[in-house]
Amino acid sequence: MTEHRTGGSSHAGLQELLLESEDISGFLDAFSTTLAQALSTDGEEVWCAVTLLRPKRSVTVASSSPRAEALDEIQYHYGDGPCLTAAREHRVVYLQDTRTDPRWPAYGQAAAANGIRSALGVPLDLGGEATAGLNVYADVPGAFDQAILQVVERRVAEASTILRLAVRLARHRETEADLRTAMESRTTIDLAVGIVMAQNRCTQESAFEILRAASSHRNVKLREVAADLVATVSRGPATTHFDA
């Protein structure tokens, strides 16, 4: 296998994949599929999947095909293998021949029985957000030469960078939305306090306590009580009056 077989994908190409995907899972599916297709030539099929390590059980979160998921399950069954080791130890692990490599004999035997002779695990660097790795399988021994190993590592590094950025942006959007909601709630409460002050000719502190008491009495959140009062007044003359 040589470098040109990866299709010359660039960082920009991966960015386009992310933009075209509905979510991170969709991006990883597209990434796995694109890489598997690029590596599968000359009658040598390759399968790719992304494993996420969890405390109780690892899971496949993206794959190039159902077969790739099934191949991941072999490692999960034995609890070890090149791809799980790569994700756990944050290093590239290459199993050149499942029938002769002594590191994972039980897994190797099962993988060979399922037609897999080579397996490659490359960790995804997600900056502490999660522990994950890319799994690459081939049906011939020694399927990945040094050139292709370097290309796959580079592709995974680029994908990791984009994923970290996507996670940060998602968090930023969530924070922004939470802040906007909090500000809107605060504005609504302030408006309601002003309405109660006008209705009852009381201080700001007393008006807030009136709203809080109404919230407790109705078992409804304060911002909802405030929103109801503001909505009532905005439709015309106030029909709701809180007694001090």
Protein backbone atom coordinates (compact mmCIF):
# COMPACT_ATOMS: atom_id res chain seq x y z
CA MET A 1 0.00 0.00 0.00
CA THR A 2 1.28 3.47 -0.80
CA GLU A 3 0.39 7.01 0.23
CA HIS A 4 -1.55 7.92 -2.90
CA ARG A 5 -4.11 5.29 -2.01
CA THR A 6 -5.49 7.51 0.75
CA GLY A 7 -6.90 9.82 -1.87
CA GLY A 8 -4.73 12.78 -0.89
CA SER A 9 -7.18 13.84 1.81
CA SER A 10 -6.26 17.08 3.53
CA HIS A 11 -7.17 18.87 6.73
CA ALA A 12 -9.56 20.98 4.67
CA GLY A 13 -11.20 17.84 3.35
CA LEU A 14 -11.87 16.63 6.88
CA GLN A 15 -13.30 20.03 7.76
CA GLU A 16 -15.72 19.64 4.87
CA LEU A 17 -16.70 16.23 6.19
CA LEU A 18 -17.50 17.78 9.56
CA LEU A 19 -19.53 20.58 7.98
CA GLU A 20 -21.50 18.06 5.93
CA SER A 21 -22.19 15.83 8.95
CA GLU A 22 -25.17 16.31 11.24
CA ASP A 23 -23.11 15.59 14.35
CA ILE A 24 -19.79 14.20 15.56
CA SER A 25 -20.99 10.62 15.17
CA GLY A 26 -21.85 11.31 11.55
CA PHE A 27 -18.42 12.83 11.00
CA LEU A 28 -16.70 9.74 12.43
CA ASP A 29 -18.82 7.44 10.24
CA ALA A 30 -17.88 9.45 7.16
CA PHE A 31 -14.23 9.54 8.22
CA SER A 32 -14.12 5.76 8.74
CA THR A 33 -15.88 5.06 5.45
CA THR A 34 -13.70 7.44 3.44
CA LEU A 35 -10.49 6.02 4.87
CA ALA A 36 -11.59 2.41 4.34
CA GLN A 37 -12.49 3.12 0.73
CA ALA A 38 -9.16 4.84 0.11
CA LEU A 39 -7.21 1.90 1.54
CA SER A 40 -9.26 -0.78 -0.22
CA THR A 41 -7.73 -1.25 -3.67
CA ASP A 42 -6.22 -3.96 -5.84
CA GLY A 43 -8.61 -6.53 -4.42
CA GLU A 44 -7.46 -5.95 -0.83
CA GLU A 45 -10.44 -4.82 1.24
CA VAL A 46 -9.92 -2.79 4.40
CA TRP A 47 -12.40 -2.07 7.18
CA CYS A 48 -12.28 0.83 9.67
CA ALA A 49 -14.05 1.59 12.93
CA VAL A 50 -13.73 3.94 15.90
CA THR A 51 -13.73 2.52 19.41
CA LEU A 52 -14.66 4.54 22.49
CA LEU A 53 -13.34 3.16 25.76
CA ARG A 54 -15.83 3.22 28.62
CA PRO A 55 -15.40 2.08 32.23
CA LYS A 56 -17.48 -1.08 31.88
CA ARG A 57 -17.47 -1.86 28.18
CA SER A 58 -15.88 -0.44 25.06
CA VAL A 59 -18.20 0.44 22.19
CA THR A 60 -17.92 1.11 18.48
CA VAL A 61 -19.18 4.63 17.83
CA ALA A 62 -18.52 4.72 14.08
CA SER A 63 -17.61 2.27 11.34
CA SER A 64 -17.16 1.89 7.62
CA SER A 65 -19.50 -1.13 7.54
CA PRO A 66 -21.29 -3.69 9.73
CA ARG A 67 -18.32 -6.02 9.22
CA ALA A 68 -16.03 -3.46 10.86
CA GLU A 69 -18.31 -3.40 13.89
CA ALA A 70 -18.30 -7.20 14.04
CA LEU A 71 -14.50 -7.23 13.94
CA ASP A 72 -14.41 -4.78 16.85
CA GLU A 73 -16.64 -7.11 18.83
CA ILE A 74 -13.96 -9.80 18.68
CA GLN A 75 -11.59 -7.56 20.63
CA TYR A 76 -14.33 -6.57 23.06
CA HIS A 77 -15.06 -10.25 23.68
CA TYR A 78 -11.47 -10.97 24.68
CA GLY A 79 -11.02 -7.58 26.35
CA ASP A 80 -7.74 -6.96 24.59
CA GLY A 81 -6.12 -6.59 21.21
CA PRO A 82 -4.13 -4.13 19.12
CA CYS A 83 -6.84 -1.49 18.84
CA LEU A 84 -7.87 -1.55 22.50
CA THR A 85 -4.19 -1.39 23.48
CA ALA A 86 -3.65 1.60 21.19
CA ALA A 87 -6.53 3.52 22.76
CA ARG A 88 -5.56 2.62 26.34
CA GLU A 89 -1.84 3.30 26.00
CA HIS A 90 -2.09 6.19 23.50
CA ARG A 91 0.30 4.66 20.99
CA VAL A 92 0.13 3.12 17.54
CA VAL A 93 -0.11 -0.68 17.61
CA TYR A 94 0.36 -2.77 14.48
CA LEU A 95 -0.39 -6.50 14.33
CA GLN A 96 1.14 -7.67 11.07
CA ASP A 97 -0.12 -11.26 11.16
CA THR A 98 -2.87 -12.48 13.46
CA ARG A 99 -1.75 -16.11 13.04
CA THR A 100 1.81 -15.61 14.26
CA ASP A 101 1.93 -12.55 16.54
CA PRO A 102 2.34 -13.78 20.15
CA ARG A 103 0.96 -10.70 21.92
CA TRP A 104 -2.75 -11.59 21.86
CA PRO A 105 -2.94 -15.32 21.01
CA ALA A 106 -6.64 -15.85 21.79
CA TYR A 107 -7.69 -12.72 19.92
CA GLY A 108 -5.32 -13.47 17.04
CA GLN A 109 -6.76 -16.92 16.57
CA ALA A 110 -10.32 -15.61 16.58
CA ALA A 111 -9.47 -12.76 14.19
CA ALA A 112 -7.76 -15.14 11.78
CA ALA A 113 -10.79 -17.44 11.90
CA ASN A 114 -12.88 -14.45 10.81
CA GLY A 115 -10.64 -13.69 7.87
CA ILE A 116 -8.53 -10.92 9.43
CA ARG A 117 -4.76 -11.18 9.05
CA SER A 118 -3.66 -7.59 9.81
CA ALA A 119 -4.93 -5.09 12.40
CA LEU A 120 -3.84 -1.56 13.14
CA GLY A 121 -4.81 0.58 16.12
CA VAL A 122 -4.22 4.34 16.16
CA PRO A 123 -5.24 6.44 19.21
CA LEU A 124 -7.41 9.52 18.75
CA ASP A 125 -6.01 12.44 20.73
CA LEU A 126 -9.11 14.10 22.12
CA GLY A 127 -7.32 16.15 24.75
CA GLY A 128 -8.78 14.33 27.73
CA GLU A 129 -12.36 14.56 26.45
CA ALA A 130 -12.49 10.77 25.90
CA THR A 131 -10.34 7.73 25.21
CA ALA A 132 -10.80 6.43 21.68
CA GLY A 133 -8.95 4.91 18.78
CA LEU A 134 -9.23 4.11 15.09
CA ASN A 135 -9.22 0.42 14.18
CA VAL A 136 -8.09 -0.69 10.72
CA TYR A 137 -8.45 -4.30 9.55
CA ALA A 138 -7.22 -6.13 6.45
CA ASP A 139 -7.62 -9.67 5.15
CA VAL A 140 -3.94 -10.09 4.18
CA PRO A 141 -0.85 -10.20 6.43
CA GLY A 142 1.48 -7.22 6.46
CA ALA A 143 -1.13 -5.07 4.76
CA PHE A 144 0.24 -1.75 5.95
CA ASP A 145 3.72 -0.61 4.95
CA GLN A 146 5.56 2.28 6.56
CA ALA A 147 4.26 4.81 4.07
CA ILE A 148 0.63 3.91 4.67
CA LEU A 149 1.17 3.83 8.45
CA GLN A 150 2.43 7.40 8.32
CA VAL A 151 -0.52 8.52 6.22
CA VAL A 152 -3.08 6.88 8.52
CA GLU A 153 -1.41 8.41 11.57
CA ARG A 154 -1.52 11.83 9.95
CA ARG A 155 -5.17 11.43 9.00
CA VAL A 156 -6.05 10.42 12.56
CA ALA A 157 -4.08 13.36 13.98
CA GLU A 158 -5.97 15.75 11.68
CA ALA A 159 -9.30 14.19 12.65
CA SER A 160 -8.37 14.48 16.34
CA THR A 161 -7.69 18.20 15.95
CA ILE A 162 -11.02 18.76 14.22
CA LEU A 163 -12.87 16.71 16.83
CA ARG A 164 -11.35 18.71 19.70
CA LEU A 165 -12.42 21.90 17.96
CA ALA A 166 -15.92 20.54 17.37
CA VAL A 167 -16.29 19.59 21.03
CA ARG A 168 -15.14 23.03 22.16
CA LEU A 169 -17.52 24.75 19.76
CA ALA A 170 -20.38 22.57 20.95
CA ARG A 171 -19.57 23.50 24.54
CA HIS A 172 -19.36 27.17 23.56
CA ARG A 173 -22.80 26.99 21.95
CA GLU A 174 -24.23 25.30 25.02
CA THR A 175 -22.67 27.89 27.31
CA GLU A 176 -23.90 30.72 25.10
CA ALA A 177 -27.41 29.26 25.06
CA ASP A 178 -27.38 28.81 28.84
CA LEU A 179 -26.18 32.39 29.31
CA ARG A 180 -28.82 33.72 26.93
CA THR A 181 -31.53 31.78 28.78
CA ALA A 182 -30.29 33.06 32.13
CA MET A 183 -30.22 36.65 30.87
CA GLU A 184 -33.71 36.33 29.42
CA SER A 185 -34.98 34.88 32.68
CA ARG A 186 -33.31 37.66 34.66
CA THR A 187 -34.84 40.30 32.39
CA THR A 188 -38.30 38.76 32.74
CA ILE A 189 -37.99 38.61 36.53
CA ASP A 190 -36.83 42.23 36.65
CA LEU A 191 -39.83 43.29 34.56
CA ALA A 192 -42.18 41.33 36.80
CA VAL A 193 -40.64 42.91 39.90
CA GLY A 194 -41.27 46.34 38.40
CA ILE A 195 -44.90 45.44 37.68
CA VAL A 196 -45.46 44.23 41.25
CA MET A 197 -43.80 47.38 42.64
CA ALA A 198 -46.22 49.51 40.61
CA GLN A 199 -49.25 47.44 41.55
CA ASN A 200 -48.50 47.29 45.25
CA ARG A 201 -46.56 50.54 45.69
CA CYS A 202 -43.78 48.63 47.45
CA THR A 203 -40.00 48.39 47.40
CA GLN A 204 -38.01 46.22 45.01
CA GLU A 205 -37.16 43.80 47.82
CA SER A 206 -40.81 43.45 48.81
CA ALA A 207 -41.88 42.95 45.21
CA PHE A 208 -39.33 40.17 44.75
CA GLU A 209 -40.52 38.47 47.92
CA ILE A 210 -44.11 38.64 46.64
CA LEU A 211 -43.06 36.89 43.45
CA ARG A 212 -41.03 34.32 45.37
CA ALA A 213 -43.97 33.59 47.67
CA ALA A 214 -46.26 33.13 44.65
CA SER A 215 -43.71 30.78 43.13
CA SER A 216 -43.54 28.69 46.30
CA HIS A 217 -47.32 28.67 46.76
CA ARG A 218 -47.98 27.53 43.18
CA ASN A 219 -44.98 25.17 43.13
CA VAL A 220 -43.88 26.86 39.90
CA LYS A 221 -40.44 28.22 39.05
CA LEU A 222 -39.93 31.90 39.73
CA ARG A 223 -39.15 32.73 36.10
CA GLU A 224 -42.40 31.06 35.00
CA VAL A 225 -44.43 33.11 37.50
CA ALA A 226 -42.64 36.23 36.26
CA ALA A 227 -43.22 35.32 32.59
CA ASP A 228 -46.95 34.75 33.23
CA LEU A 229 -47.28 38.15 34.91
CA VAL A 230 -45.38 39.97 32.15
CA ALA A 231 -47.42 38.20 29.47
CA THR A 232 -50.67 39.11 31.21
CA VAL A 233 -49.75 42.79 31.49
CA SER A 234 -48.45 42.98 27.92
CA ARG A 235 -51.84 41.87 26.59
CA GLY A 236 -53.59 44.81 28.20
CA PRO A 237 -54.63 46.02 31.63
CA ALA A 238 -53.29 43.79 34.35
CA THR A 239 -55.82 41.26 35.60
CA THR A 240 -53.51 39.53 38.02
CA HIS A 241 -52.60 41.20 41.27
CA PHE A 242 -50.34 39.83 43.97
CA ASP A 243 -51.19 41.00 47.47
CA ALA A 244 -48.33 41.90 49.74
